[in-house]
Amino acid sequence: MYMGVEIGAAASAKRLRFARKPRVEVDAHAESDIDPELARAMERIEGKAGSYTERENLPDEVEPGVTYRDVRVRWRAAARLEHDEARREPDFGE
């Protein structure tokens, strides 16, 4: 069983110029904040997260003062909480 969320964004520009080199930081993480009793009942909850960027006509490291043309950027981040039911003890109706 899992629960997840995904968000994304897209941008485009005919011309793009940076006055200075941008500082970019992406921090994607997954965590669960659940009732301690429920957490004990579930043997294992694991979080996974990540992000992905796709660029057209824009290098990974841009240079100040350079004009980039016909730029397209797509960004996506996703987080997922998984419960490993295969490792859960059988429920005998206790």
N, C-alpha and C. Protein backbone atom coordinates (compact mmCIF):
# COMPACT_ATOMS: atom_id res chain seq x y z
N MET A 1 0.85 -1.17 0.00
CA MET A 1 0.00 0.00 0.00
C MET A 1 0.90 1.23 0.00
N TYR A 2 0.51 2.25 -0.73
CA TYR A 2 1.28 3.47 -0.72
C TYR A 2 0.38 4.68 -0.86
N MET A 3 0.92 5.82 -0.45
CA MET A 3 0.28 7.12 -0.64
C MET A 3 1.33 8.02 -1.27
N GLY A 4 0.94 8.84 -2.21
CA GLY A 4 1.92 9.68 -2.86
C GLY A 4 1.35 11.01 -3.31
N VAL A 5 2.25 11.91 -3.59
CA VAL A 5 1.89 13.21 -4.13
C VAL A 5 2.95 13.60 -5.15
N GLU A 6 2.50 14.26 -6.21
CA GLU A 6 3.41 14.71 -7.25
C GLU A 6 3.00 16.10 -7.69
N ILE A 7 3.98 16.99 -7.85
CA ILE A 7 3.70 18.33 -8.36
C ILE A 7 4.66 18.61 -9.50
N GLY A 8 4.25 19.51 -10.37
CA GLY A 8 5.11 19.84 -11.50
C GLY A 8 4.87 21.26 -11.97
N ALA A 9 5.82 21.75 -12.73
CA ALA A 9 5.72 23.09 -13.30
C ALA A 9 6.45 23.10 -14.64
N ALA A 10 6.03 24.02 -15.50
CA ALA A 10 6.68 24.19 -16.80
C ALA A 10 6.77 25.67 -17.10
N ALA A 11 7.87 26.05 -17.74
CA ALA A 11 8.05 27.45 -18.13
C ALA A 11 8.76 27.49 -19.47
N SER A 12 8.51 28.56 -20.22
CA SER A 12 9.20 28.75 -21.50
C SER A 12 9.48 30.24 -21.70
N ALA A 13 10.50 30.52 -22.49
CA ALA A 13 10.85 31.91 -22.78
C ALA A 13 11.49 31.98 -24.16
N LYS A 14 11.18 33.06 -24.88
CA LYS A 14 11.83 33.28 -26.17
C LYS A 14 13.29 33.66 -25.96
N ARG A 15 13.54 34.51 -24.94
CA ARG A 15 14.90 34.92 -24.59
C ARG A 15 15.02 34.95 -23.07
N LEU A 16 16.18 34.49 -22.59
CA LEU A 16 16.42 34.48 -21.16
C LEU A 16 17.88 34.82 -20.89
N ARG A 17 18.10 35.80 -19.99
CA ARG A 17 19.47 36.20 -19.65
C ARG A 17 19.54 36.36 -18.13
N PHE A 18 20.62 35.87 -17.55
CA PHE A 18 20.84 35.96 -16.12
C PHE A 18 21.88 37.04 -15.83
N ALA A 19 21.56 37.93 -14.89
CA ALA A 19 22.51 38.98 -14.49
C ALA A 19 23.64 38.37 -13.66
N ARG A 20 23.33 37.34 -12.89
CA ARG A 20 24.36 36.64 -12.11
C ARG A 20 24.00 35.15 -12.07
N LYS A 21 24.95 34.35 -11.72
CA LYS A 21 24.74 32.91 -11.67
C LYS A 21 23.75 32.59 -10.55
N PRO A 22 22.64 31.90 -10.87
CA PRO A 22 21.63 31.61 -9.84
C PRO A 22 22.08 30.51 -8.89
N ARG A 23 21.60 30.61 -7.65
CA ARG A 23 21.82 29.55 -6.66
C ARG A 23 20.53 28.74 -6.60
N VAL A 24 20.63 27.48 -6.93
CA VAL A 24 19.45 26.62 -6.98
C VAL A 24 19.65 25.46 -6.00
N GLU A 25 18.62 25.21 -5.21
CA GLU A 25 18.65 24.09 -4.28
C GLU A 25 17.29 23.44 -4.25
N VAL A 26 17.26 22.14 -4.41
CA VAL A 26 16.01 21.38 -4.35
C VAL A 26 16.15 20.36 -3.22
N ASP A 27 15.20 20.37 -2.31
CA ASP A 27 15.19 19.43 -1.19
C ASP A 27 13.86 18.71 -1.20
N ALA A 28 13.87 17.47 -1.63
CA ALA A 28 12.64 16.68 -1.67
C ALA A 28 12.78 15.55 -0.66
N HIS A 29 11.79 15.42 0.20
CA HIS A 29 11.81 14.33 1.16
C HIS A 29 10.39 13.89 1.48
N ALA A 30 10.29 12.69 2.01
CA ALA A 30 8.99 12.13 2.39
C ALA A 30 9.07 11.73 3.85
N GLU A 31 8.05 12.10 4.59
CA GLU A 31 8.01 11.69 5.99
C GLU A 31 6.57 11.50 6.41
N SER A 32 6.42 10.72 7.44
CA SER A 32 5.09 10.42 7.96
C SER A 32 4.97 10.98 9.37
N ASP A 33 3.90 11.68 9.64
CA ASP A 33 3.63 12.20 10.98
C ASP A 33 2.29 11.58 11.39
N ILE A 34 2.37 10.38 11.96
CA ILE A 34 1.15 9.66 12.31
C ILE A 34 1.11 9.37 13.80
N ASP A 35 -0.05 8.99 14.27
CA ASP A 35 -0.27 8.64 15.66
C ASP A 35 0.68 7.50 16.05
N PRO A 36 1.38 7.61 17.21
CA PRO A 36 2.33 6.57 17.62
C PRO A 36 1.70 5.17 17.72
N GLU A 37 0.46 5.09 18.16
CA GLU A 37 -0.21 3.79 18.26
C GLU A 37 -0.39 3.17 16.88
N LEU A 38 -0.79 3.99 15.91
CA LEU A 38 -0.94 3.51 14.54
C LEU A 38 0.42 3.10 13.98
N ALA A 39 1.46 3.86 14.29
CA ALA A 39 2.80 3.53 13.81
C ALA A 39 3.25 2.17 14.34
N ARG A 40 2.93 1.86 15.59
CA ARG A 40 3.30 0.56 16.14
C ARG A 40 2.54 -0.57 15.44
N ALA A 41 1.30 -0.30 15.04
CA ALA A 41 0.50 -1.32 14.37
C ALA A 41 1.00 -1.62 12.97
N MET A 42 1.69 -0.67 12.38
CA MET A 42 2.23 -0.86 11.04
C MET A 42 3.72 -1.18 11.18
N GLU A 43 4.13 -2.32 10.67
CA GLU A 43 5.50 -2.76 10.89
C GLU A 43 6.51 -1.84 10.23
N ARG A 44 6.19 -1.36 9.04
CA ARG A 44 7.20 -0.60 8.32
C ARG A 44 6.56 0.44 7.40
N ILE A 45 6.95 1.68 7.58
CA ILE A 45 6.57 2.74 6.65
C ILE A 45 7.87 3.36 6.17
N GLU A 46 8.01 3.47 4.87
CA GLU A 46 9.23 4.01 4.29
C GLU A 46 8.89 5.15 3.34
N GLY A 47 9.64 6.23 3.40
CA GLY A 47 9.41 7.37 2.51
C GLY A 47 10.45 7.44 1.42
N LYS A 48 10.00 7.80 0.23
CA LYS A 48 10.89 8.00 -0.92
C LYS A 48 10.49 9.31 -1.58
N ALA A 49 11.47 10.06 -2.04
CA ALA A 49 11.16 11.33 -2.71
C ALA A 49 12.26 11.66 -3.71
N GLY A 50 11.92 12.51 -4.65
CA GLY A 50 12.90 12.94 -5.62
C GLY A 50 12.34 14.02 -6.53
N SER A 51 13.22 14.60 -7.32
CA SER A 51 12.79 15.61 -8.29
C SER A 51 13.53 15.39 -9.60
N TYR A 52 12.95 15.92 -10.67
CA TYR A 52 13.49 15.74 -12.01
C TYR A 52 13.30 17.03 -12.78
N THR A 53 14.34 17.45 -13.48
CA THR A 53 14.26 18.66 -14.31
C THR A 53 14.65 18.30 -15.74
N GLU A 54 13.86 18.80 -16.68
CA GLU A 54 14.14 18.62 -18.10
C GLU A 54 14.30 20.00 -18.71
N ARG A 55 15.40 20.23 -19.41
CA ARG A 55 15.68 21.55 -19.99
C ARG A 55 15.89 21.44 -21.49
N GLU A 56 15.41 22.44 -22.20
CA GLU A 56 15.68 22.57 -23.63
C GLU A 56 16.34 23.92 -23.87
N ASN A 57 17.48 23.91 -24.52
CA ASN A 57 18.24 25.13 -24.87
C ASN A 57 18.70 25.90 -23.63
N LEU A 58 18.91 25.21 -22.53
CA LEU A 58 19.40 25.83 -21.30
C LEU A 58 20.31 24.82 -20.60
N PRO A 59 21.59 25.16 -20.45
CA PRO A 59 22.52 24.21 -19.82
C PRO A 59 22.24 24.07 -18.32
N ASP A 60 22.78 23.03 -17.72
CA ASP A 60 22.63 22.83 -16.28
C ASP A 60 23.23 23.98 -15.49
N GLU A 61 24.35 24.49 -15.95
CA GLU A 61 24.97 25.66 -15.31
C GLU A 61 24.97 26.82 -16.31
N VAL A 62 24.16 27.82 -16.02
CA VAL A 62 24.05 28.97 -16.92
C VAL A 62 25.17 29.98 -16.63
N GLU A 63 25.47 30.80 -17.63
CA GLU A 63 26.50 31.82 -17.49
C GLU A 63 25.86 33.21 -17.47
N PRO A 64 26.28 34.07 -16.57
CA PRO A 64 25.75 35.44 -16.53
C PRO A 64 26.06 36.17 -17.84
N GLY A 65 25.10 36.97 -18.29
CA GLY A 65 25.29 37.79 -19.49
C GLY A 65 25.04 37.08 -20.80
N VAL A 66 24.87 35.79 -20.80
CA VAL A 66 24.60 35.02 -22.02
C VAL A 66 23.10 34.99 -22.25
N THR A 67 22.67 35.22 -23.49
CA THR A 67 21.25 35.15 -23.83
C THR A 67 20.94 33.76 -24.36
N TYR A 68 20.02 33.09 -23.70
CA TYR A 68 19.56 31.77 -24.13
C TYR A 68 18.23 31.96 -24.84
N ARG A 69 18.04 31.28 -25.95
CA ARG A 69 16.85 31.46 -26.78
C ARG A 69 16.00 30.19 -26.84
N ASP A 70 14.68 30.42 -26.98
CA ASP A 70 13.71 29.31 -27.08
C ASP A 70 13.91 28.29 -25.96
N VAL A 71 13.86 28.80 -24.75
CA VAL A 71 14.11 27.99 -23.55
C VAL A 71 12.82 27.35 -23.07
N ARG A 72 12.93 26.08 -22.67
CA ARG A 72 11.82 25.38 -22.04
C ARG A 72 12.38 24.60 -20.85
N VAL A 73 11.68 24.69 -19.72
CA VAL A 73 12.08 23.96 -18.52
C VAL A 73 10.85 23.29 -17.94
N ARG A 74 10.98 22.01 -17.63
CA ARG A 74 9.92 21.26 -16.95
C ARG A 74 10.53 20.71 -15.67
N TRP A 75 9.77 20.81 -14.58
CA TRP A 75 10.24 20.34 -13.28
C TRP A 75 9.16 19.52 -12.63
N ARG A 76 9.56 18.44 -11.96
CA ARG A 76 8.61 17.57 -11.30
C ARG A 76 9.22 17.08 -9.99
N ALA A 77 8.42 17.05 -8.94
CA ALA A 77 8.85 16.49 -7.65
C ALA A 77 7.76 15.53 -7.18
N ALA A 78 8.18 14.46 -6.55
CA ALA A 78 7.24 13.47 -6.07
C ALA A 78 7.70 12.92 -4.73
N ALA A 79 6.74 12.57 -3.89
CA ALA A 79 7.03 11.92 -2.61
C ALA A 79 6.04 10.79 -2.44
N ARG A 80 6.51 9.72 -1.81
CA ARG A 80 5.67 8.53 -1.67
C ARG A 80 5.96 7.87 -0.33
N LEU A 81 4.91 7.54 0.39
CA LEU A 81 5.03 6.76 1.62
C LEU A 81 4.56 5.34 1.30
N GLU A 82 5.38 4.36 1.65
CA GLU A 82 5.04 2.97 1.36
C GLU A 82 4.97 2.16 2.64
N HIS A 83 4.00 1.28 2.68
CA HIS A 83 3.87 0.33 3.78
C HIS A 83 4.13 -1.04 3.20
N ASP A 84 5.16 -1.70 3.68
CA ASP A 84 5.53 -3.02 3.18
C ASP A 84 4.64 -4.07 3.84
N GLU A 85 3.53 -4.40 3.21
CA GLU A 85 2.57 -5.34 3.79
C GLU A 85 3.11 -6.76 3.80
N ALA A 86 4.06 -7.07 2.94
CA ALA A 86 4.62 -8.42 2.91
C ALA A 86 5.38 -8.73 4.20
N ARG A 87 5.89 -7.72 4.88
CA ARG A 87 6.66 -7.92 6.10
C ARG A 87 5.80 -7.79 7.35
N ARG A 88 4.55 -7.56 7.19
CA ARG A 88 3.64 -7.40 8.32
C ARG A 88 3.24 -8.76 8.88
N GLU A 89 3.15 -8.87 10.19
CA GLU A 89 2.72 -10.11 10.83
C GLU A 89 1.27 -10.39 10.47
N PRO A 90 0.89 -11.64 10.33
CA PRO A 90 -0.51 -11.96 10.02
C PRO A 90 -1.43 -11.51 11.15
N ASP A 91 -2.62 -11.10 10.79
CA ASP A 91 -3.62 -10.70 11.78
C ASP A 91 -4.55 -11.88 12.03
N PHE A 92 -4.51 -12.40 13.25
CA PHE A 92 -5.34 -13.54 13.61
C PHE A 92 -6.57 -13.12 14.38
N GLY A 93 -7.00 -11.89 14.21
CA GLY A 93 -8.22 -11.40 14.86
C GLY A 93 -8.04 -11.07 16.32
N GLU A 94 -6.85 -10.73 16.72
CA GLU A 94 -6.60 -10.38 18.12
C GLU A 94 -7.09 -9.01 18.46
